[in-house]
Protein backbone atom coordinates (compact mmCIF):
# COMPACT_ATOMS: atom_id res chain seq x y z
CA MET A 1 -0.32 -0.43 0.08
CA LYS A 2 2.77 2.25 0.81
CA ASP A 3 4.61 1.64 -2.61
CA ALA A 4 1.46 2.31 -4.20
CA VAL A 5 0.73 5.61 -2.67
CA PHE A 6 4.54 6.87 -3.36
CA TYR A 7 4.44 5.60 -7.14
CA PHE A 8 1.08 7.50 -7.40
CA TYR A 9 2.52 10.77 -5.99
CA GLY A 10 5.62 10.50 -7.77
CA TYR A 11 3.43 10.33 -11.05
CA VAL A 12 1.42 13.07 -10.10
CA ILE A 13 4.47 15.38 -9.42
CA PHE A 14 6.08 13.77 -12.86
CA PHE A 15 2.56 14.92 -15.41
CA TYR A 16 2.20 17.77 -13.32
CA SER A 17 5.54 19.28 -13.64
CA LEU A 18 5.72 18.16 -17.66
CA GLY A 19 2.45 20.38 -17.93
CA LEU A 20 3.78 23.19 -16.35
CA ILE A 21 6.53 23.32 -18.14
CA SER A 22 4.76 22.29 -21.80
CA PHE A 23 2.49 25.40 -20.46
CA TYR A 24 5.29 27.43 -20.17
CA VAL A 25 7.52 26.82 -23.44
CA PHE A 26 4.26 27.38 -25.28
CA HIS A 27 3.88 31.01 -24.13
CA LEU A 28 7.47 31.46 -24.69
CA ILE A 29 7.10 30.37 -28.09
CA LEU A 30 3.76 32.22 -28.68
CA SER A 31 5.56 35.79 -27.18
CA ARG A 32 8.32 35.17 -29.70
CA LEU A 33 6.19 35.02 -32.22
CA GLY A 34 4.68 38.18 -31.03
CA ILE A 35 7.77 39.57 -30.78
CA TYR A 36 9.07 38.28 -34.25
CA LYS A 37 5.85 39.73 -35.57
CA ASN A 38 5.44 43.29 -34.19
CA LYS A 39 9.46 44.00 -34.02
CA ASN A 40 9.43 46.76 -37.04
CA SER A 41 5.68 48.12 -36.50
CA LEU A 42 7.32 51.16 -34.12
CA ASP A 43 7.76 54.36 -36.53
CA MET A 44 10.13 56.11 -34.71
CA ASN A 45 8.82 59.62 -36.69
CA TYR A 46 5.74 59.02 -34.60
CA ALA A 47 7.70 57.94 -31.43
CA LYS A 48 10.11 61.29 -31.86
CA HIS A 49 6.88 63.25 -32.11
CA ILE A 50 5.41 62.19 -29.15
CA ILE A 51 8.21 62.65 -26.94
CA GLU A 52 9.34 66.13 -28.39
CA ASP A 53 5.77 67.89 -28.48
CA ASN A 54 4.54 66.60 -25.04
CA ASP A 55 4.13 68.80 -22.13
CA TYR A 56 4.56 65.73 -20.02
CA THR A 57 7.71 65.29 -20.78
CA PRO A 58 10.34 65.92 -18.50
CA GLY A 59 13.62 67.77 -19.09
CA VAL A 60 16.77 66.22 -18.79
CA SER A 61 19.49 67.66 -16.90
CA ILE A 62 23.31 66.21 -17.72
CA VAL A 63 25.98 66.45 -14.76
CA ALA A 64 29.48 66.42 -16.13
CA PRO A 65 32.32 67.26 -14.05
CA ALA A 66 35.13 68.74 -15.87
CA TYR A 67 37.72 70.25 -13.19
CA ASN A 68 40.71 71.51 -15.06
CA GLU A 69 39.26 70.24 -18.66
CA GLU A 70 39.92 73.43 -20.53
CA LYS A 71 41.36 71.80 -23.49
CA TYR A 72 38.80 69.35 -24.11
CA ILE A 73 35.58 70.79 -22.33
CA ILE A 74 33.58 71.77 -25.86
CA ASP A 75 34.35 67.96 -27.12
CA ASN A 76 33.30 66.70 -23.82
CA VAL A 77 29.63 69.25 -24.06
CA ASN A 78 29.59 68.12 -27.71
CA SER A 79 29.53 64.56 -27.11
CA LEU A 80 27.17 65.13 -24.43
CA LEU A 81 24.55 66.51 -26.19
CA SER A 82 24.68 64.79 -29.29
CA GLN A 83 23.52 61.49 -26.87
């Protein structure tokens, strides 16, 4: 009797784990297909327009330490502005 309970419990755990793993793999495949399908659907001009023309878009401040950087400060600021 004791062995039968252990075998039954082992099979329950095995099939539960197998079902759970199958469920996760199925959702992984579906999500990958969704990402592949919608990969190029975002129009960058539209996204840029939404960000630049929105009143609620916060400004960004950049703090760059520049102690004794007289020779390279213009290049550093241009580099930061281009990002």
